PDB file of N, CA and C in Angstrom:
ATOM      1  N   MET A   1      66.914 146.955 123.537  1.00  0.00           N
ATOM      2  CA  MET A   1      66.103 147.769 124.382  1.00  0.00           C
ATOM      3  C   MET A   1      66.142 145.677 125.266  1.00  0.00           C
ATOM      4  N   SER A   2      66.515 146.325 126.430  1.00  0.00           N
ATOM      5  CA  SER A   2      66.711 145.069 127.958  1.00  0.00           C
ATOM      6  C   SER A   2      64.945 145.072 128.083  1.00  0.00           C
ATOM      7  N   LEU A   3      64.800 143.135 128.127  1.00  0.00           N
ATOM      8  CA  LEU A   3      64.016 143.179 128.203  1.00  0.00           C
ATOM      9  C   LEU A   3      63.206 143.674 129.671  1.00  0.00           C
ATOM     10  N   GLU A   4      63.683 144.327 130.586  1.00  0.00           N
ATOM     11  CA  GLU A   4      63.486 144.906 131.781  1.00  0.00           C
ATOM     12  C   GLU A   4      62.656 146.345 130.965  1.00  0.00           C
ATOM     13  N   ASP A   5      63.434 147.111 130.267  1.00  0.00           N
ATOM     14  CA  ASP A   5      63.170 148.165 129.755  1.00  0.00           C
ATOM     15  C   ASP A   5      62.079 148.195 128.888  1.00  0.00           C
ATOM     16  N   LYS A   6      61.527 146.936 128.054  1.00  0.00           N
ATOM     17  CA  LYS A   6      60.488 146.377 127.742  1.00  0.00           C
ATOM     18  C   LYS A   6      59.017 146.342 128.505  1.00  0.00           C
ATOM     19  N   ALA A   7      59.551 145.988 129.609  1.00  0.00           N
ATOM     20  CA  ALA A   7      58.549 145.151 130.709  1.00  0.00           C
ATOM     21  C   ALA A   7      58.318 146.395 131.216  1.00  0.00           C
ATOM     22  N   LYS A   8      58.513 147.698 131.558  1.00  0.00           N
ATOM     23  CA  LYS A   8      58.412 148.608 132.517  1.00  0.00           C
ATOM     24  C   LYS A   8      57.541 149.715 131.097  1.00  0.00           C
ATOM     25  N   ASN A   9      58.080 149.433 130.172  1.00  0.00           N
ATOM     26  CA  ASN A   9      57.253 150.279 129.037  1.00  0.00           C
ATOM     27  C   ASN A   9      55.986 149.901 129.183  1.00  0.00           C
ATOM     28  N   ALA A  10      55.874 148.367 128.527  1.00  0.00           N
ATOM     29  CA  ALA A  10      54.652 147.680 128.756  1.00  0.00           C
ATOM     30  C   ALA A  10      53.456 147.896 129.405  1.00  0.00           C
ATOM     31  N   LYS A  11      54.247 148.156 130.795  1.00  0.00           N
ATOM     32  CA  LYS A  11      53.623 148.319 132.196  1.00  0.00           C
ATOM     33  C   LYS A  11      52.896 149.491 131.993  1.00  0.00           C
ATOM     34  N   ASP A  12      53.790 150.541 131.732  1.00  0.00           N
ATOM     35  CA  ASP A  12      53.414 151.916 131.383  1.00  0.00           C
ATOM     36  C   ASP A  12      51.968 151.836 130.408  1.00  0.00           C
ATOM     37  N   LYS A  13      52.011 151.315 128.983  1.00  0.00           N
ATOM     38  CA  LYS A  13      51.357 151.575 128.178  1.00  0.00           C
ATOM     39  C   LYS A  13      50.042 150.579 128.920  1.00  0.00           C
ATOM     40  N   VAL A  14      50.097 149.874 129.037  1.00  0.00           N
ATOM     41  CA  VAL A  14      48.697 148.781 129.700  1.00  0.00           C
ATOM     42  C   VAL A  14      48.276 150.021 131.106  1.00  0.00           C
ATOM     43  N   GLY A  15      49.229 149.567 131.814  1.00  0.00           N
ATOM     44  CA  GLY A  15      48.066 150.788 133.026  1.00  0.00           C
ATOM     45  C   GLY A  15      47.672 152.111 132.622  1.00  0.00           C
ATOM     46  N   GLY A  16      48.043 152.768 131.608  1.00  0.00           N
ATOM     47  CA  GLY A  16      47.363 154.077 130.926  1.00  0.00           C
ATOM     48  C   GLY A  16      46.405 153.620 130.236  1.00  0.00           C
ATOM     49  N   LYS A  17      45.875 152.594 129.652  1.00  0.00           N
ATOM     50  CA  LYS A  17      45.140 152.294 128.728  1.00  0.00           C
ATOM     51  C   LYS A  17      44.261 151.617 130.025  1.00  0.00           C
ATOM     52  N   ALA A  18      44.458 151.436 130.798  1.00  0.00           N
ATOM     53  CA  ALA A  18      43.562 150.569 131.926  1.00  0.00           C
ATOM     54  C   ALA A  18      42.860 151.888 132.149  1.00  0.00           C
ATOM     55  N   LYS A  19      43.807 152.976 132.722  1.00  0.00           N
ATOM     56  CA  LYS A  19      43.364 154.630 133.544  1.00  0.00           C
ATOM     57  C   LYS A  19      42.523 154.998 132.373  1.00  0.00           C
ATOM     58  N   GLU A  20      42.782 154.912 131.083  1.00  0.00           N
ATOM     59  CA  GLU A  20      41.347 155.666 130.420  1.00  0.00           C
ATOM     60  C   GLU A  20      40.769 154.989 129.830  1.00  0.00           C
ATOM     61  N   VAL A  21      40.742 153.930 129.968  1.00  0.00           N
ATOM     62  CA  VAL A  21      38.692 152.862 129.998  1.00  0.00           C
ATOM     63  C   VAL A  21      38.592 153.431 131.118  1.00  0.00           C
ATOM     64  N   GLU A  22      38.776 152.930 132.129  1.00  0.00           N
ATOM     65  CA  GLU A  22      38.306 153.448 133.536  1.00  0.00           C
ATOM     66  C   GLU A  22      37.492 155.223 133.594  1.00  0.00           C
ATOM     67  N   GLY A  23      38.299 155.920 133.372  1.00  0.00           N
ATOM     68  CA  GLY A  23      37.861 156.699 133.017  1.00  0.00           C
ATOM     69  C   GLY A  23      36.818 157.931 131.965  1.00  0.00           C
ATOM     70  N   LYS A  24      36.802 156.908 130.680  1.00  0.00           N
ATOM     71  CA  LYS A  24      35.718 156.657 130.095  1.00  0.00           C
ATOM     72  C   LYS A  24      34.826 156.551 130.559  1.00  0.00           C
ATOM     73  N   ALA A  25      34.820 154.972 131.218  1.00  0.00           N
ATOM     74  CA  ALA A  25      33.568 154.396 132.166  1.00  0.00           C
ATOM     75  C   ALA A  25      32.953 155.254 132.931  1.00  0.00           C
ATOM     76  N   THR A  26      33.738 156.001 133.597  1.00  0.00           N
ATOM     77  CA  THR A  26      32.837 156.760 135.057  1.00  0.00           C
ATOM     78  C   THR A  26      32.938 158.189 134.740  1.00  0.00           C
ATOM     79  N   GLY A  27      33.396 158.445 133.166  1.00  0.00           N
ATOM     80  CA  GLY A  27      33.192 159.803 132.918  1.00  0.00           C
ATOM     81  C   GLY A  27      34.377 160.743 133.644  1.00  0.00           C
ATOM     82  N   ASP A  28      35.145 160.083 133.879  1.00  0.00           N
ATOM     83  CA  ASP A  28      35.921 161.139 134.447  1.00  0.00           C
ATOM     84  C   ASP A  28      37.385 161.477 134.058  1.00  0.00           C
ATOM     85  N   LYS A  29      36.689 162.894 133.129  1.00  0.00           N
ATOM     86  CA  LYS A  29      37.707 163.235 131.966  1.00  0.00           C
ATOM     87  C   LYS A  29      39.179 163.313 132.972  1.00  0.00           C
ATOM     88  N   THR A  30      39.487 163.501 133.973  1.00  0.00           N
ATOM     89  CA  THR A  30      41.031 163.975 134.151  1.00  0.00           C
ATOM     90  C   THR A  30      41.293 162.614 134.272  1.00  0.00           C
ATOM     91  N   ARG A  31      40.946 161.610 134.309  1.00  0.00           N
ATOM     92  CA  ARG A  31      41.506 160.321 134.828  1.00  0.00           C
ATOM     93  C   ARG A  31      42.113 159.633 133.208  1.00  0.00           C
ATOM     94  N   GLU A  32      40.700 160.208 132.351  1.00  0.00           N
ATOM     95  CA  GLU A  32      40.638 159.646 131.374  1.00  0.00           C
ATOM     96  C   GLU A  32      42.556 160.259 130.440  1.00  0.00           C
ATOM     97  N   ALA A  33      42.177 161.503 130.962  1.00  0.00           N
ATOM     98  CA  ALA A  33      43.108 162.480 130.134  1.00  0.00           C
ATOM     99  C   ALA A  33      45.165 161.350 130.959  1.00  0.00           C
ATOM    100  N   GLN A  34      45.333 161.629 132.159  1.00  0.00           N
ATOM    101  CA  GLN A  34      46.074 160.512 132.950  1.00  0.00           C
ATOM    102  C   GLN A  34      46.166 159.720 132.149  1.00  0.00           C
ATOM    103  N   GLY A  35      45.738 158.479 131.819  1.00  0.00           N
ATOM    104  CA  GLY A  35      45.824 157.614 131.569  1.00  0.00           C
ATOM    105  C   GLY A  35      46.077 157.201 129.911  1.00  0.00           C
ATOM    106  N   LYS A  36      45.780 158.481 129.349  1.00  0.00           N
ATOM    107  CA  LYS A  36      46.496 158.608 127.631  1.00  0.00           C
ATOM    108  C   LYS A  36      47.512 158.956 127.432  1.00  0.00           C
ATOM    109  N   ALA A  37      48.197 159.832 128.831  1.00  0.00           N
ATOM    110  CA  ALA A  37      49.337 160.534 129.071  1.00  0.00           C
ATOM    111  C   ALA A  37      50.370 159.804 129.255  1.00  0.00           C
ATOM    112  N   GLU A  38      49.834 158.655 130.173  1.00  0.00           N
ATOM    113  CA  GLU A  38      50.825 157.504 130.575  1.00  0.00           C
ATOM    114  C   GLU A  38      50.916 156.247 129.590  1.00  0.00           C
ATOM    115  N   GLY A  39      49.834 156.709 129.437  1.00  0.00           N
ATOM    116  CA  GLY A  39      50.430 155.412 127.214  1.00  0.00           C
ATOM    117  C   GLY A  39      51.163 156.293 126.818  1.00  0.00           C
ATOM    118  N   LEU A  40      51.258 157.106 126.216  1.00  0.00           N
ATOM    119  CA  LEU A  40      51.971 158.101 125.394  1.00  0.00           C
ATOM    120  C   LEU A  40      53.992 157.857 126.335  1.00  0.00           C
ATOM    121  N   VAL A  41      53.845 158.693 127.344  1.00  0.00           N
ATOM    122  CA  VAL A  41      55.089 157.999 127.768  1.00  0.00           C
ATOM    123  C   VAL A  41      55.718 156.161 127.954  1.00  0.00           C
ATOM    124  N   GLY A  42      54.983 155.678 127.701  1.00  0.00           N
ATOM    125  CA  GLY A  42      55.113 154.383 127.725  1.00  0.00           C
ATOM    126  C   GLY A  42      56.046 154.091 126.022  1.00  0.00           C
ATOM    127  N   LYS A  43      54.866 154.850 125.289  1.00  0.00           N
ATOM    128  CA  LYS A  43      55.156 154.653 123.393  1.00  0.00           C
ATOM    129  C   LYS A  43      56.322 155.413 123.265  1.00  0.00           C
ATOM    130  N   ALA A  44      56.727 156.274 123.895  1.00  0.00           N
ATOM    131  CA  ALA A  44      57.888 157.328 124.197  1.00  0.00           C
ATOM    132  C   ALA A  44      59.157 157.012 124.442  1.00  0.00           C
ATOM    133  N   LYS A  45      58.949 155.742 125.655  1.00  0.00           N
ATOM    134  CA  LYS A  45      59.839 155.302 126.038  1.00  0.00           C
ATOM    135  C   LYS A  45      60.641 154.359 125.179  1.00  0.00           C
ATOM    136  N   ASP A  46      59.745 153.571 124.638  1.00  0.00           N
ATOM    137  CA  ASP A  46      59.574 152.776 123.595  1.00  0.00           C
ATOM    138  C   ASP A  46      60.759 152.953 122.303  1.00  0.00           C
ATOM    139  N   LYS A  47      60.201 154.127 121.216  1.00  0.00           N
ATOM    140  CA  LYS A  47      60.414 155.233 120.511  1.00  0.00           C
ATOM    141  C   LYS A  47      62.477 155.465 120.754  1.00  0.00           C
ATOM    142  N   LEU A  48      62.412 156.148 121.999  1.00  0.00           N
ATOM    143  CA  LEU A  48      63.561 156.290 122.851  1.00  0.00           C
ATOM    144  C   LEU A  48      64.851 155.403 122.738  1.00  0.00           C
ATOM    145  N   ALA A  49      64.729 154.584 123.577  1.00  0.00           N
ATOM    146  CA  ALA A  49      65.100 152.856 123.534  1.00  0.00           C
ATOM    147  C   ALA A  49      65.416 152.748 122.786  1.00  0.00           C
ATOM    148  N   ASP A  50      64.502 152.578 121.123  1.00  0.00           N
ATOM    149  CA  ASP A  50      64.729 151.852 120.238  1.00  0.00           C
ATOM    150  C   ASP A  50      66.183 152.958 119.226  1.00  0.00           C
ATOM    151  N   ALA A  51      65.805 154.265 119.183  1.00  0.00           N
ATOM    152  CA  ALA A  51      66.390 155.213 118.631  1.00  0.00           C
ATOM    153  C   ALA A  51      67.958 154.837 119.141  1.00  0.00           C
ATOM    154  N   LYS A  52      68.094 154.667 120.857  1.00  0.00           N
ATOM    155  CA  LYS A  52      69.381 155.083 121.256  1.00  0.00           C
ATOM    156  C   LYS A  52      70.093 153.412 121.256  1.00  0.00           C
ATOM    157  N   ASP A  53      69.627 152.453 120.737  1.00  0.00           N
ATOM    158  CA  ASP A  53      70.128 151.181 120.377  1.00  0.00           C
ATOM    159  C   ASP A  53      70.318 151.377 118.632  1.00  0.00           C
ATOM    160  N   THR A  54      70.013 152.185 117.983  1.00  0.00           N
ATOM    161  CA  THR A  54      70.412 152.453 115.933  1.00  0.00           C
ATOM    162  C   THR A  54      71.773 153.019 116.249  1.00  0.00           C
ATOM    163  N   VAL A  55      71.770 153.957 117.395  1.00  0.00           N
ATOM    164  CA  VAL A  55      72.974 154.938 117.318  1.00  0.00           C
ATOM    165  C   VAL A  55      74.099 153.954 118.083  1.00  0.00           C
ATOM    166  N   LYS A  56      73.739 153.609 119.138  1.00  0.00           N
ATOM    167  CA  LYS A  56      74.334 152.431 119.902  1.00  0.00           C
ATOM    168  C   LYS A  56      74.901 151.356 118.673  1.00  0.00           C
ATOM    169  N   ASP A  57      74.576 150.742 117.785  1.00  0.00           N
ATOM    170  CA  ASP A  57      74.821 149.537 116.644  1.00  0.00           C
ATOM    171  C   ASP A  57      75.163 150.410 115.487  1.00  0.00           C
ATOM    172  N   THR A  58      75.242 151.716 115.247  1.00  0.00           N
ATOM    173  CA  THR A  58      75.845 152.523 114.210  1.00  0.00           C
ATOM    174  C   THR A  58      77.089 152.982 114.863  1.00  0.00           C
ATOM    175  N   VAL A  59      77.066 153.233 115.813  1.00  0.00           N
ATOM    176  CA  VAL A  59      78.440 154.075 116.849  1.00  0.00           C
ATOM    177  C   VAL A  59      79.663 152.614 116.609  1.00  0.00           C
ATOM    178  N   ASP A  60      79.182 151.637 116.411  1.00  0.00           N
ATOM    179  CA  ASP A  60      80.234 150.306 116.891  1.00  0.00           C
ATOM    180  C   ASP A  60      80.494 150.198 115.432  1.00  0.00           C
ATOM    181  N   ASP A  61      79.452 149.993 114.894  1.00  0.00           N
ATOM    182  CA  ASP A  61      80.211 149.150 113.021  1.00  0.00           C
ATOM    183  C   ASP A  61      80.578 150.991 112.657  1.00  0.00           C
ATOM    184  N   LEU A  62      80.891 152.015 112.762  1.00  0.00           N
ATOM    185  CA  LEU A  62      81.777 152.495 112.736  1.00  0.00           C
ATOM    186  C   LEU A  62      83.410 152.505 113.357  1.00  0.00           C
ATOM    187  N   LYS A  63      83.343 152.285 114.515  1.00  0.00           N
ATOM    188  CA  LYS A  63      84.188 151.569 115.301  1.00  0.00           C
ATOM    189  C   LYS A  63      84.518 150.279 114.612  1.00  0.00           C
ATOM    190  N   ASP A  64      84.185 149.210 114.222  1.00  0.00           N
ATOM    191  CA  ASP A  64      84.830 148.117 113.547  1.00  0.00           C
ATOM    192  C   ASP A  64      85.517 148.703 112.181  1.00  0.00           C
ATOM    193  N   LYS A  65      84.822 149.384 111.524  1.00  0.00           N
ATOM    194  CA  LYS A  65      85.340 150.058 110.235  1.00  0.00           C
ATOM    195  C   LYS A  65      86.706 150.793 110.609  1.00  0.00           C
ATOM    196  N   PHE A  66      86.857 151.703 111.375  1.00  0.00           N
ATOM    197  CA  PHE A  66      88.094 152.368 111.721  1.00  0.00           C
ATOM    198  C   PHE A  66      89.653 151.415 112.480  1.00  0.00           C
ATOM    199  N   ASP A  67      88.848 150.347 112.977  1.00  0.00           N
ATOM    200  CA  ASP A  67      89.751 149.308 113.989  1.00  0.00           C
ATOM    201  C   ASP A  67      90.359 148.348 112.849  1.00  0.00           C
ATOM    202  N   LYS A  68      89.572 148.414 111.518  1.00  0.00           N
ATOM    203  CA  LYS A  68      90.345 147.469 110.391  1.00  0.00           C
ATOM    204  C   LYS A  68      91.408 147.859 109.608  1.00  0.00           C
TER     205      LYS A  68
END
């Protein structure tokens, strides 16, 4: 995962947490739910990027084995 991707995902998670806390503090359930959803999107992006990297590494390993 690139540094840029990590930064974007961290922004989603931190921003989501801030909205969630704001929603809890003000009693705004909609804002709280938006924050939770945004945080989950950031976590999902991290997992997807990790899976993508794993697949790429596996494909590269297989290519190396067939090239030999």
